[in-house]
Amino acid sequence: MTDLFTFHDVVFPLAVSFGATGGPERRNEIIELMSGRETRNARFAHARRRYDAGTGLRSADDLYDVLAFFEARRGSLHAFRFRDPFDMKSGRPEAEPTAIDQPIGVGDDGTATFQLVKTYGEGDDAYVRPVTKPLAGSVRVAVDGDEAEEGVAFAADAATGVVIFLPGHVPGEGAVVTAGFAFHVPVRFDTDRIEASLASFRAGTVPTIPLVEVVA
């Protein structure tokens, strides 16, 4: 039987993803009490992003590329990388990543691995999002503000988002470790059917192509 949780390390067609719509979804339970007050509870610790890639289709070639990609993923069976058109870097979308964009940990003179994360907000209300699919070659790391050299001081796993400090370069006690990077979102198709009509497409009607974030 095919592994239901297979992740294909390929990127959804970039030309289409630029025009996709969507964003984060939160699942909260809200119960209104007899007093009129509400109790609110977050069902999940992390947001789950949903997109409609259909809005990014600009040509029949785009549609063909998406259909071919859909077939290669066997519909919703296999997950893949997707470039979020709004949130794809450790800083703002228009800024190039720097080695001090995001705090990812504090050294203790022994820990050599640190997970890439992106923090939204500040203080006690800040939300820390794990980043597991950075772009290979995009990760920059600094220790106490001094940038480290990839391949010499650290390695970055593009499949997991884990930064590994190499022997002789493990951060010392209390050293602040920061990172900058570009990243993809792991998603799958949220449908097993794409209904497309060339005549309708040429008339300006695009098919819905739903994508949903997964843990991968």
N, C-alpha and C. Protein backbone atom coordinates (compact mmCIF):
# COMPACT_ATOMS: atom_id res chain seq x y z
N MET A 1 0.84 -1.20 0.00
CA MET A 1 0.00 0.00 0.00
C MET A 1 0.88 1.25 0.00
N THR A 2 0.47 2.28 -0.75
CA THR A 2 1.22 3.52 -0.81
C THR A 2 1.19 4.23 0.53
N ASP A 3 2.32 4.77 0.96
CA ASP A 3 2.41 5.52 2.21
C ASP A 3 1.54 6.77 2.12
N LEU A 4 0.55 6.87 3.03
CA LEU A 4 -0.39 7.98 2.98
C LEU A 4 0.26 9.30 3.41
N PHE A 5 1.40 9.23 4.03
CA PHE A 5 2.00 10.43 4.58
C PHE A 5 3.27 10.83 3.82
N THR A 6 3.40 10.41 2.58
CA THR A 6 4.58 10.74 1.79
C THR A 6 4.62 12.22 1.46
N PHE A 7 5.80 12.80 1.60
CA PHE A 7 6.01 14.19 1.21
C PHE A 7 6.92 14.22 0.00
N HIS A 8 6.46 14.83 -1.08
CA HIS A 8 7.27 14.99 -2.28
C HIS A 8 8.00 16.34 -2.18
N ASP A 9 9.31 16.32 -2.20
CA ASP A 9 10.09 17.54 -2.03
C ASP A 9 10.19 18.30 -3.36
N VAL A 10 9.04 18.75 -3.82
CA VAL A 10 8.94 19.54 -5.05
C VAL A 10 8.08 20.75 -4.76
N VAL A 11 8.22 21.79 -5.58
CA VAL A 11 7.52 23.05 -5.35
C VAL A 11 6.37 23.20 -6.34
N PHE A 12 5.21 23.58 -5.82
CA PHE A 12 4.05 23.90 -6.66
C PHE A 12 4.46 24.99 -7.65
N PRO A 13 3.93 24.97 -8.89
CA PRO A 13 4.34 25.95 -9.90
C PRO A 13 4.33 27.38 -9.37
N LEU A 14 5.51 28.01 -9.39
CA LEU A 14 5.66 29.33 -8.78
C LEU A 14 4.82 30.40 -9.47
N ALA A 15 4.71 30.33 -10.79
CA ALA A 15 3.95 31.35 -11.51
C ALA A 15 2.50 31.38 -11.06
N VAL A 16 1.98 30.23 -10.66
CA VAL A 16 0.59 30.16 -10.20
C VAL A 16 0.47 30.57 -8.74
N SER A 17 1.45 30.17 -7.93
CA SER A 17 1.37 30.48 -6.50
C SER A 17 1.41 31.97 -6.24
N PHE A 18 2.05 32.76 -7.12
CA PHE A 18 2.11 34.21 -6.92
C PHE A 18 0.71 34.84 -6.88
N GLY A 19 -0.23 34.24 -7.60
CA GLY A 19 -1.57 34.82 -7.64
C GLY A 19 -2.59 34.09 -6.78
N ALA A 20 -2.14 33.16 -5.97
CA ALA A 20 -3.06 32.40 -5.12
C ALA A 20 -3.64 33.30 -4.02
N THR A 21 -4.80 32.91 -3.52
CA THR A 21 -5.41 33.60 -2.38
C THR A 21 -5.44 32.64 -1.20
N GLY A 22 -5.57 33.21 0.00
CA GLY A 22 -5.65 32.36 1.19
C GLY A 22 -4.85 32.92 2.34
N GLY A 23 -4.69 32.10 3.37
CA GLY A 23 -3.95 32.52 4.55
C GLY A 23 -4.24 31.61 5.73
N PRO A 24 -3.88 32.06 6.94
CA PRO A 24 -4.01 31.21 8.13
C PRO A 24 -5.45 31.06 8.59
N GLU A 25 -5.75 29.88 9.12
CA GLU A 25 -7.06 29.59 9.70
C GLU A 25 -6.85 29.13 11.13
N ARG A 26 -7.63 29.69 12.05
CA ARG A 26 -7.61 29.28 13.45
C ARG A 26 -8.91 28.56 13.78
N ARG A 27 -8.83 27.58 14.65
CA ARG A 27 -10.01 26.86 15.10
C ARG A 27 -10.20 27.12 16.60
N ASN A 28 -11.16 27.95 16.93
CA ASN A 28 -11.45 28.27 18.33
C ASN A 28 -12.87 27.85 18.69
N GLU A 29 -13.03 27.36 19.90
CA GLU A 29 -14.36 27.02 20.43
C GLU A 29 -14.84 28.18 21.29
N ILE A 30 -16.03 28.70 20.98
CA ILE A 30 -16.58 29.82 21.72
C ILE A 30 -17.94 29.41 22.29
N ILE A 31 -18.06 29.48 23.60
CA ILE A 31 -19.31 29.09 24.28
C ILE A 31 -19.85 30.30 25.03
N GLU A 32 -21.10 30.64 24.74
CA GLU A 32 -21.74 31.75 25.44
C GLU A 32 -22.42 31.23 26.70
N LEU A 33 -22.09 31.82 27.83
CA LEU A 33 -22.64 31.40 29.12
C LEU A 33 -23.97 32.10 29.41
N MET A 34 -24.65 31.62 30.42
CA MET A 34 -25.94 32.20 30.79
C MET A 34 -25.81 33.68 31.14
N SER A 35 -24.67 34.05 31.67
CA SER A 35 -24.44 35.44 32.07
C SER A 35 -24.22 36.36 30.88
N GLY A 36 -24.03 35.78 29.71
CA GLY A 36 -23.73 36.58 28.53
C GLY A 36 -22.24 36.62 28.22
N ARG A 37 -21.44 36.20 29.19
CA ARG A 37 -20.01 36.13 28.95
C ARG A 37 -19.67 34.95 28.05
N GLU A 38 -18.47 34.96 27.51
CA GLU A 38 -18.02 33.87 26.64
C GLU A 38 -16.80 33.18 27.24
N THR A 39 -16.71 31.89 26.99
CA THR A 39 -15.46 31.17 27.23
C THR A 39 -14.91 30.80 25.86
N ARG A 40 -13.62 31.01 25.69
CA ARG A 40 -12.99 30.75 24.40
C ARG A 40 -11.78 29.85 24.59
N ASN A 41 -11.68 28.86 23.72
CA ASN A 41 -10.61 27.88 23.83
C ASN A 41 -10.05 27.58 22.44
N ALA A 42 -8.72 27.62 22.32
CA ALA A 42 -8.05 27.29 21.06
C ALA A 42 -7.97 25.77 20.91
N ARG A 43 -8.51 25.24 19.84
CA ARG A 43 -8.49 23.79 19.63
C ARG A 43 -7.12 23.29 19.23
N PHE A 44 -6.36 24.13 18.53
CA PHE A 44 -5.04 23.73 18.05
C PHE A 44 -4.02 24.80 18.41
N ALA A 45 -2.79 24.38 18.65
CA ALA A 45 -1.74 25.32 19.03
C ALA A 45 -1.29 26.17 17.84
N HIS A 46 -1.39 25.62 16.63
CA HIS A 46 -0.88 26.33 15.46
C HIS A 46 -2.00 26.58 14.45
N ALA A 47 -1.86 27.68 13.72
CA ALA A 47 -2.79 27.96 12.63
C ALA A 47 -2.57 26.94 11.51
N ARG A 48 -3.59 26.77 10.70
CA ARG A 48 -3.49 25.92 9.52
C ARG A 48 -3.83 26.77 8.31
N ARG A 49 -2.93 26.83 7.36
CA ARG A 49 -3.14 27.70 6.21
C ARG A 49 -3.88 26.99 5.09
N ARG A 50 -4.77 27.74 4.47
CA ARG A 50 -5.54 27.25 3.33
C ARG A 50 -5.40 28.23 2.18
N TYR A 51 -5.34 27.70 0.97
CA TYR A 51 -5.16 28.53 -0.21
C TYR A 51 -6.07 28.05 -1.33
N ASP A 52 -6.37 28.98 -2.25
CA ASP A 52 -7.00 28.63 -3.51
C ASP A 52 -6.03 29.03 -4.61
N ALA A 53 -5.40 28.04 -5.21
CA ALA A 53 -4.41 28.31 -6.25
C ALA A 53 -5.07 28.64 -7.58
N GLY A 54 -6.36 28.41 -7.70
CA GLY A 54 -7.04 28.68 -8.96
C GLY A 54 -6.97 30.13 -9.36
N THR A 55 -6.95 31.03 -8.38
CA THR A 55 -6.90 32.47 -8.70
C THR A 55 -5.57 32.89 -9.29
N GLY A 56 -4.57 32.00 -9.24
CA GLY A 56 -3.27 32.32 -9.80
C GLY A 56 -3.10 31.90 -11.25
N LEU A 57 -4.10 31.22 -11.81
CA LEU A 57 -4.02 30.77 -13.20
C LEU A 57 -4.16 31.96 -14.15
N ARG A 58 -3.21 32.09 -15.06
CA ARG A 58 -3.25 33.21 -16.01
C ARG A 58 -3.30 32.76 -17.46
N SER A 59 -3.05 31.49 -17.71
CA SER A 59 -3.01 31.00 -19.09
C SER A 59 -3.35 29.52 -19.11
N ALA A 60 -3.59 29.01 -20.32
CA ALA A 60 -3.86 27.59 -20.49
C ALA A 60 -2.61 26.78 -20.11
N ASP A 61 -1.43 27.34 -20.33
CA ASP A 61 -0.20 26.66 -19.93
C ASP A 61 -0.13 26.51 -18.41
N ASP A 62 -0.55 27.55 -17.68
CA ASP A 62 -0.60 27.45 -16.22
C ASP A 62 -1.52 26.32 -15.79
N LEU A 63 -2.67 26.25 -16.42
CA LEU A 63 -3.64 25.21 -16.08
C LEU A 63 -3.06 23.83 -16.37
N TYR A 64 -2.38 23.68 -17.50
CA TYR A 64 -1.76 22.40 -17.82
C TYR A 64 -0.72 22.02 -16.78
N ASP A 65 0.11 22.99 -16.38
CA ASP A 65 1.15 22.71 -15.39
C ASP A 65 0.55 22.25 -14.06
N VAL A 66 -0.55 22.88 -13.66
CA VAL A 66 -1.19 22.49 -12.39
C VAL A 66 -1.82 21.11 -12.51
N LEU A 67 -2.46 20.82 -13.63
CA LEU A 67 -3.05 19.49 -13.82
C LEU A 67 -1.98 18.41 -13.81
N ALA A 68 -0.84 18.67 -14.45
CA ALA A 68 0.26 17.71 -14.45
C ALA A 68 0.80 17.52 -13.03
N PHE A 69 0.92 18.62 -12.30
CA PHE A 69 1.42 18.55 -10.92
C PHE A 69 0.44 17.77 -10.04
N PHE A 70 -0.86 18.01 -10.24
CA PHE A 70 -1.92 17.31 -9.51
C PHE A 70 -1.84 15.81 -9.75
N GLU A 71 -1.67 15.42 -11.00
CA GLU A 71 -1.57 14.00 -11.33
C GLU A 71 -0.33 13.36 -10.70
N ALA A 72 0.80 14.08 -10.75
CA ALA A 72 2.04 13.54 -10.19
C ALA A 72 1.95 13.36 -8.68
N ARG A 73 1.13 14.18 -8.01
CA ARG A 73 0.93 14.05 -6.55
C ARG A 73 -0.19 13.06 -6.23
N ARG A 74 -0.83 12.51 -7.23
CA ARG A 74 -1.97 11.58 -7.06
C ARG A 74 -3.09 12.27 -6.29
N GLY A 75 -3.40 13.50 -6.68
CA GLY A 75 -4.44 14.25 -5.98
C GLY A 75 -3.98 14.64 -4.59
N SER A 76 -4.78 14.31 -3.59
CA SER A 76 -4.47 14.70 -2.21
C SER A 76 -3.52 13.73 -1.51
N LEU A 77 -3.02 12.72 -2.21
CA LEU A 77 -2.25 11.67 -1.57
C LEU A 77 -0.90 12.15 -1.04
N HIS A 78 -0.18 12.93 -1.84
CA HIS A 78 1.17 13.34 -1.46
C HIS A 78 1.25 14.84 -1.23
N ALA A 79 1.92 15.23 -0.17
CA ALA A 79 2.12 16.64 0.13
C ALA A 79 3.31 17.18 -0.65
N PHE A 80 3.46 18.51 -0.63
CA PHE A 80 4.51 19.16 -1.41
C PHE A 80 4.76 20.56 -0.87
N ARG A 81 5.73 21.26 -1.45
CA ARG A 81 6.05 22.62 -1.04
C ARG A 81 5.20 23.63 -1.80
N PHE A 82 4.83 24.71 -1.08
CA PHE A 82 4.06 25.78 -1.70
C PHE A 82 4.63 27.11 -1.23
N ARG A 83 4.81 28.04 -2.15
CA ARG A 83 5.31 29.36 -1.81
C ARG A 83 4.13 30.26 -1.46
N ASP A 84 3.99 30.59 -0.19
CA ASP A 84 2.94 31.49 0.25
C ASP A 84 3.22 32.87 -0.38
N PRO A 85 2.25 33.45 -1.11
CA PRO A 85 2.53 34.73 -1.77
C PRO A 85 2.64 35.90 -0.80
N PHE A 86 2.23 35.71 0.46
CA PHE A 86 2.22 36.81 1.42
C PHE A 86 3.28 36.66 2.52
N ASP A 87 3.65 35.43 2.86
CA ASP A 87 4.50 35.19 4.02
C ASP A 87 5.47 34.06 3.68
N MET A 88 6.65 34.46 3.15
CA MET A 88 7.59 33.44 2.66
C MET A 88 9.02 33.66 3.12
N LYS A 89 9.21 34.65 4.02
CA LYS A 89 10.56 34.97 4.50
C LYS A 89 10.53 35.18 6.01
N SER A 90 11.72 35.21 6.59
CA SER A 90 11.82 35.41 8.03
C SER A 90 11.47 36.83 8.45
N GLY A 91 11.52 37.76 7.51
CA GLY A 91 11.11 39.13 7.77
C GLY A 91 9.94 39.50 6.87
N ARG A 92 9.86 40.76 6.51
CA ARG A 92 8.80 41.20 5.60
C ARG A 92 9.04 40.69 4.18
N PRO A 93 7.97 40.53 3.39
CA PRO A 93 8.12 39.94 2.06
C PRO A 93 9.10 40.67 1.15
N GLU A 94 9.18 42.02 1.28
CA GLU A 94 10.04 42.77 0.37
C GLU A 94 11.48 42.84 0.84
N ALA A 95 11.76 42.38 2.05
CA ALA A 95 13.11 42.48 2.62
C ALA A 95 13.88 41.17 2.42
N GLU A 96 15.18 41.29 2.19
CA GLU A 96 16.02 40.11 2.10
C GLU A 96 16.30 39.58 3.51
N PRO A 97 16.30 38.26 3.70
CA PRO A 97 16.58 37.70 5.03
C PRO A 97 17.97 38.10 5.54
N THR A 98 18.05 38.37 6.83
CA THR A 98 19.34 38.63 7.47
C THR A 98 19.53 37.62 8.59
N ALA A 99 20.74 37.50 9.05
CA ALA A 99 21.07 36.49 10.07
C ALA A 99 20.50 36.81 11.44
N ILE A 100 19.94 38.01 11.62
CA ILE A 100 19.40 38.40 12.93
C ILE A 100 17.89 38.61 12.90
N ASP A 101 17.23 38.09 11.88
CA ASP A 101 15.78 38.30 11.74
C ASP A 101 14.97 37.70 12.89
N GLN A 102 15.27 36.44 13.22
CA GLN A 102 14.43 35.70 14.17
C GLN A 102 15.27 35.01 15.24
N PRO A 103 14.92 35.17 16.52
CA PRO A 103 15.59 34.38 17.57
C PRO A 103 15.12 32.93 17.50
N ILE A 104 16.06 32.00 17.51
CA ILE A 104 15.68 30.58 17.45
C ILE A 104 16.17 29.78 18.65
N GLY A 105 16.85 30.43 19.59
CA GLY A 105 17.28 29.71 20.78
C GLY A 105 18.41 30.41 21.51
N VAL A 106 18.76 29.83 22.65
CA VAL A 106 19.85 30.34 23.46
C VAL A 106 20.80 29.18 23.74
N GLY A 107 22.09 29.41 23.54
CA GLY A 107 23.08 28.36 23.73
C GLY A 107 23.27 27.98 25.18
N ASP A 108 23.76 26.75 25.39
CA ASP A 108 24.07 26.27 26.75
C ASP A 108 25.41 25.54 26.78
N ASP A 109 26.22 25.78 25.75
CA ASP A 109 27.54 25.17 25.62
C ASP A 109 27.47 23.66 25.37
N GLY A 110 26.30 23.20 24.95
CA GLY A 110 26.16 21.77 24.68
C GLY A 110 25.18 21.47 23.56
N THR A 111 24.07 22.22 23.49
CA THR A 111 23.06 22.00 22.46
C THR A 111 23.57 22.45 21.10
N ALA A 112 23.47 21.54 20.13
CA ALA A 112 23.99 21.83 18.79
C ALA A 112 22.89 22.00 17.75
N THR A 113 21.65 21.64 18.09
CA THR A 113 20.57 21.72 17.11
C THR A 113 19.51 22.71 17.56
N PHE A 114 19.02 23.49 16.60
CA PHE A 114 18.00 24.50 16.86
C PHE A 114 16.99 24.48 15.72
N GLN A 115 15.69 24.51 16.07
CA GLN A 115 14.63 24.51 15.06
C GLN A 115 14.38 25.93 14.57
N LEU A 116 14.30 26.10 13.26
CA LEU A 116 13.92 27.39 12.72
C LEU A 116 12.49 27.72 13.12
N VAL A 117 12.26 28.95 13.52
CA VAL A 117 10.93 29.41 13.88
C VAL A 117 10.76 30.84 13.39
N LYS A 118 9.50 31.26 13.28
CA LYS A 118 9.18 32.65 12.99
C LYS A 118 8.21 33.13 14.05
N THR A 119 8.52 34.27 14.67
CA THR A 119 7.70 34.80 15.76
C THR A 119 6.84 35.94 15.24
N TYR A 120 5.55 35.89 15.59
CA TYR A 120 4.60 36.93 15.22
C TYR A 120 4.14 37.63 16.49
N GLY A 121 4.25 38.94 16.53
CA GLY A 121 3.88 39.67 17.73
C GLY A 121 5.03 39.77 18.70
N GLU A 122 4.73 40.31 19.87
CA GLU A 122 5.77 40.53 20.87
C GLU A 122 5.29 40.15 22.26
N GLY A 123 6.24 39.91 23.14
CA GLY A 123 5.92 39.65 24.55
C GLY A 123 5.18 38.35 24.77
N ASP A 124 4.34 38.35 25.82
CA ASP A 124 3.62 37.13 26.20
C ASP A 124 2.60 36.70 25.15
N ASP A 125 2.16 37.64 24.30
CA ASP A 125 1.14 37.31 23.30
C ASP A 125 1.75 36.80 21.99
N ALA A 126 3.06 36.75 21.90
CA ALA A 126 3.71 36.36 20.65
C ALA A 126 3.40 34.91 20.30
N TYR A 127 3.25 34.66 19.01
CA TYR A 127 3.04 33.30 18.50
C TYR A 127 4.30 32.84 17.78
N VAL A 128 4.81 31.68 18.17
CA VAL A 128 6.04 31.13 17.58
C VAL A 128 5.66 29.99 16.64
N ARG A 129 5.95 30.17 15.37
CA ARG A 129 5.58 29.20 14.33
C ARG A 129 6.81 28.38 13.90
N PRO A 130 6.76 27.08 14.02
CA PRO A 130 7.87 26.26 13.52
C PRO A 130 7.97 26.37 11.99
N VAL A 131 9.18 26.47 11.50
CA VAL A 131 9.42 26.52 10.05
C VAL A 131 10.20 25.26 9.68
N THR A 132 9.55 24.37 8.94
CA THR A 132 10.14 23.06 8.65
C THR A 132 10.60 22.88 7.21
N LYS A 133 10.29 23.86 6.35
CA LYS A 133 10.66 23.70 4.94
C LYS A 133 11.34 24.96 4.40
N PRO A 134 12.54 25.28 4.93
CA PRO A 134 13.28 26.43 4.40
C PRO A 134 13.79 26.13 2.99
N LEU A 135 14.06 27.17 2.24
CA LEU A 135 14.68 27.00 0.93
C LEU A 135 16.16 26.67 1.14
N ALA A 136 16.62 25.64 0.47
CA ALA A 136 18.03 25.26 0.57
C ALA A 136 18.92 26.42 0.15
N GLY A 137 19.93 26.71 0.96
CA GLY A 137 20.86 27.78 0.66
C GLY A 137 20.43 29.15 1.11
N SER A 138 19.21 29.27 1.67
CA SER A 138 18.72 30.59 2.08
C SER A 138 18.95 30.88 3.55
N VAL A 139 19.32 29.87 4.34
CA VAL A 139 19.41 30.04 5.79
C VAL A 139 20.69 30.76 6.19
N ARG A 140 20.52 31.83 6.96
CA ARG A 140 21.65 32.58 7.52
C ARG A 140 21.52 32.53 9.04
N VAL A 141 22.62 32.36 9.73
CA VAL A 141 22.60 32.17 11.17
C VAL A 141 23.64 33.08 11.83
N ALA A 142 23.28 33.60 13.00
CA ALA A 142 24.24 34.40 13.78
C ALA A 142 24.20 33.96 15.23
N VAL A 143 25.32 34.09 15.91
CA VAL A 143 25.42 33.82 17.34
C VAL A 143 25.87 35.11 18.01
N ASP A 144 25.01 35.64 18.89
CA ASP A 144 25.27 36.94 19.52
C ASP A 144 25.57 38.02 18.49
N GLY A 145 24.86 37.95 17.35
CA GLY A 145 25.00 38.97 16.33
C GLY A 145 26.09 38.76 15.33
N ASP A 146 26.98 37.79 15.56
CA ASP A 146 28.07 37.50 14.63
C ASP A 146 27.64 36.39 13.67
N GLU A 147 27.60 36.70 12.38
CA GLU A 147 27.11 35.71 11.42
C GLU A 147 28.07 34.54 11.28
N ALA A 148 27.48 33.33 11.26
CA ALA A 148 28.25 32.10 11.11
C ALA A 148 28.25 31.69 9.65
N GLU A 149 29.25 30.94 9.25
CA GLU A 149 29.38 30.52 7.86
C GLU A 149 28.80 29.12 7.68
N GLU A 150 27.84 29.00 6.76
CA GLU A 150 27.24 27.70 6.49
C GLU A 150 28.28 26.77 5.91
N GLY A 151 28.29 25.53 6.36
CA GLY A 151 29.25 24.54 5.90
C GLY A 151 30.51 24.53 6.72
N VAL A 152 30.76 25.62 7.45
CA VAL A 152 31.93 25.70 8.32
C VAL A 152 31.50 25.65 9.78
N ALA A 153 30.54 26.52 10.13
CA ALA A 153 30.06 26.58 11.51
C ALA A 153 28.73 25.86 11.71
N PHE A 154 27.94 25.76 10.66
CA PHE A 154 26.62 25.13 10.81
C PHE A 154 26.17 24.53 9.50
N ALA A 155 25.17 23.65 9.60
CA ALA A 155 24.47 23.11 8.44
C ALA A 155 22.98 23.29 8.68
N ALA A 156 22.22 23.48 7.63
CA ALA A 156 20.77 23.65 7.74
C ALA A 156 20.08 22.56 6.94
N ASP A 157 19.17 21.83 7.58
CA ASP A 157 18.44 20.75 6.93
C ASP A 157 17.19 21.32 6.28
N ALA A 158 17.17 21.36 4.95
CA ALA A 158 16.03 21.93 4.22
C ALA A 158 14.78 21.08 4.33
N ALA A 159 14.91 19.83 4.77
CA ALA A 159 13.76 18.93 4.89
C ALA A 159 13.06 19.06 6.23
N THR A 160 13.75 19.61 7.25
CA THR A 160 13.17 19.68 8.59
C THR A 160 13.22 21.08 9.20
N GLY A 161 14.06 21.95 8.67
CA GLY A 161 14.23 23.27 9.26
C GLY A 161 15.11 23.27 10.49
N VAL A 162 15.90 22.24 10.69
CA VAL A 162 16.79 22.15 11.85
C VAL A 162 18.16 22.69 11.48
N VAL A 163 18.68 23.59 12.32
CA VAL A 163 20.03 24.12 12.18
C VAL A 163 20.95 23.30 13.08
N ILE A 164 22.04 22.81 12.52
CA ILE A 164 22.97 21.96 13.27
C ILE A 164 24.33 22.65 13.31
N PHE A 165 24.79 22.98 14.51
CA PHE A 165 26.12 23.57 14.64
C PHE A 165 27.18 22.47 14.62
N LEU A 166 28.24 22.70 13.90
CA LEU A 166 29.28 21.70 13.71
C LEU A 166 30.27 21.75 14.88
N PRO A 167 31.01 20.65 15.09
CA PRO A 167 31.96 20.60 16.21
C PRO A 167 32.89 21.81 16.23
N GLY A 168 33.05 22.37 17.42
CA GLY A 168 33.89 23.54 17.57
C GLY A 168 33.15 24.85 17.42
N HIS A 169 31.86 24.77 17.06
CA HIS A 169 31.08 25.99 16.83
C HIS A 169 29.76 25.99 17.61
N VAL A 170 29.61 25.08 18.57
CA VAL A 170 28.38 25.01 19.36
C VAL A 170 28.24 26.28 20.20
N PRO A 171 27.08 26.94 20.18
CA PRO A 171 26.91 28.19 20.92
C PRO A 171 27.18 28.02 22.42
N GLY A 172 27.88 28.99 23.00
CA GLY A 172 28.22 28.95 24.40
C GLY A 172 27.05 29.30 25.31
N GLU A 173 27.27 29.19 26.59
CA GLU A 173 26.24 29.45 27.60
C GLU A 173 25.69 30.87 27.43
N GLY A 174 24.36 30.97 27.24
CA GLY A 174 23.70 32.25 27.16
C GLY A 174 23.80 32.96 25.82
N ALA A 175 24.47 32.36 24.84
CA ALA A 175 24.61 32.99 23.53
C ALA A 175 23.28 32.97 22.78
N VAL A 176 22.88 34.09 22.24
CA VAL A 176 21.61 34.19 21.52
C VAL A 176 21.81 33.76 20.07
N VAL A 177 21.03 32.78 19.65
CA VAL A 177 21.12 32.26 18.28
C VAL A 177 19.96 32.83 17.46
N THR A 178 20.27 33.45 16.34
CA THR A 178 19.25 34.03 15.46
C THR A 178 19.42 33.49 14.05
N ALA A 179 18.39 33.68 13.24
CA ALA A 179 18.45 33.16 11.87
C ALA A 179 17.56 33.98 10.94
N GLY A 180 17.88 33.93 9.68
CA GLY A 180 17.06 34.48 8.62
C GLY A 180 16.96 33.47 7.50
N PHE A 181 15.85 33.47 6.78
CA PHE A 181 15.63 32.41 5.79
C PHE A 181 14.43 32.74 4.91
N ALA A 182 14.35 32.06 3.79
CA ALA A 182 13.14 31.99 2.99
C ALA A 182 12.56 30.59 3.19
N PHE A 183 11.26 30.44 3.04
CA PHE A 183 10.68 29.13 3.33
C PHE A 183 9.41 28.86 2.52
N HIS A 184 9.09 27.59 2.44
CA HIS A 184 7.85 27.12 1.82
C HIS A 184 6.91 26.60 2.90
N VAL A 185 5.65 26.43 2.53
CA VAL A 185 4.65 25.83 3.41
C VAL A 185 4.37 24.41 2.89
N PRO A 186 4.42 23.40 3.77
CA PRO A 186 4.04 22.05 3.31
C PRO A 186 2.52 21.95 3.19
N VAL A 187 2.04 21.58 2.03
CA VAL A 187 0.60 21.50 1.78
C VAL A 187 0.28 20.24 0.98
N ARG A 188 -1.00 19.99 0.84
CA ARG A 188 -1.50 18.97 -0.08
C ARG A 188 -2.74 19.55 -0.77
N PHE A 189 -3.15 18.92 -1.85
CA PHE A 189 -4.41 19.29 -2.47
C PHE A 189 -5.55 18.91 -1.53
N ASP A 190 -6.49 19.80 -1.35
CA ASP A 190 -7.64 19.51 -0.48
C ASP A 190 -8.83 19.06 -1.32
N THR A 191 -8.54 18.33 -2.37
CA THR A 191 -9.56 17.77 -3.25
C THR A 191 -8.93 16.64 -4.04
N ASP A 192 -9.73 15.74 -4.53
CA ASP A 192 -9.24 14.69 -5.41
C ASP A 192 -9.82 14.85 -6.81
N ARG A 193 -10.32 16.06 -7.08
CA ARG A 193 -10.90 16.32 -8.39
C ARG A 193 -10.68 17.77 -8.78
N ILE A 194 -10.20 17.98 -9.99
CA ILE A 194 -10.13 19.33 -10.55
C ILE A 194 -11.00 19.35 -11.80
N GLU A 195 -12.00 20.19 -11.78
CA GLU A 195 -12.93 20.28 -12.90
C GLU A 195 -12.61 21.52 -13.71
N ALA A 196 -12.10 21.33 -14.90
CA ALA A 196 -11.67 22.46 -15.73
C ALA A 196 -12.34 22.40 -17.09
N SER A 197 -12.66 23.57 -17.61
CA SER A 197 -13.22 23.70 -18.95
C SER A 197 -12.43 24.76 -19.68
N LEU A 198 -11.87 24.41 -20.82
CA LEU A 198 -11.06 25.37 -21.57
C LEU A 198 -11.90 26.55 -22.03
N ALA A 199 -13.13 26.27 -22.45
CA ALA A 199 -14.00 27.35 -22.90
C ALA A 199 -14.31 28.31 -21.76
N SER A 200 -14.61 27.73 -20.58
CA SER A 200 -14.91 28.58 -19.41
C SER A 200 -13.67 29.35 -18.98
N PHE A 201 -12.52 28.69 -19.04
CA PHE A 201 -11.28 29.35 -18.64
C PHE A 201 -11.00 30.55 -19.54
N ARG A 202 -11.19 30.38 -20.83
CA ARG A 202 -10.95 31.47 -21.77
C ARG A 202 -11.97 32.59 -21.60
N ALA A 203 -13.12 32.25 -21.01
CA ALA A 203 -14.14 33.26 -20.74
C ALA A 203 -13.92 33.97 -19.41
N GLY A 204 -12.88 33.55 -18.69
CA GLY A 204 -12.54 34.22 -17.44
C GLY A 204 -12.95 33.48 -16.18
N THR A 205 -13.49 32.27 -16.32
CA THR A 205 -13.88 31.46 -15.17
C THR A 205 -12.76 30.47 -14.85
N VAL A 206 -12.22 30.55 -13.64
CA VAL A 206 -11.10 29.67 -13.28
C VAL A 206 -11.58 28.60 -12.32
N PRO A 207 -11.01 27.40 -12.39
CA PRO A 207 -11.39 26.35 -11.45
C PRO A 207 -10.86 26.63 -10.05
N THR A 208 -11.56 26.11 -9.07
CA THR A 208 -11.10 26.19 -7.69
C THR A 208 -10.06 25.08 -7.45
N ILE A 209 -8.91 25.46 -6.90
CA ILE A 209 -7.85 24.48 -6.62
C ILE A 209 -7.44 24.66 -5.16
N PRO A 210 -8.16 23.99 -4.24
CA PRO A 210 -7.89 24.20 -2.83
C PRO A 210 -6.65 23.45 -2.34
N LEU A 211 -5.86 24.12 -1.52
CA LEU A 211 -4.68 23.53 -0.88
C LEU A 211 -4.80 23.74 0.62
N VAL A 212 -4.29 22.78 1.40
CA VAL A 212 -4.35 22.90 2.85
C VAL A 212 -3.00 22.52 3.45
N GLU A 213 -2.58 23.24 4.46
CA GLU A 213 -1.29 23.00 5.12
C GLU A 213 -1.31 21.69 5.88
N VAL A 214 -0.18 21.00 5.88
CA VAL A 214 -0.04 19.74 6.60
C VAL A 214 1.23 19.81 7.45
N VAL A 215 1.34 18.88 8.38
CA VAL A 215 2.56 18.74 9.18
C VAL A 215 3.48 17.78 8.42
N ALA A 216 4.64 18.26 8.04
CA ALA A 216 5.55 17.41 7.26
C ALA A 216 6.99 17.85 7.52
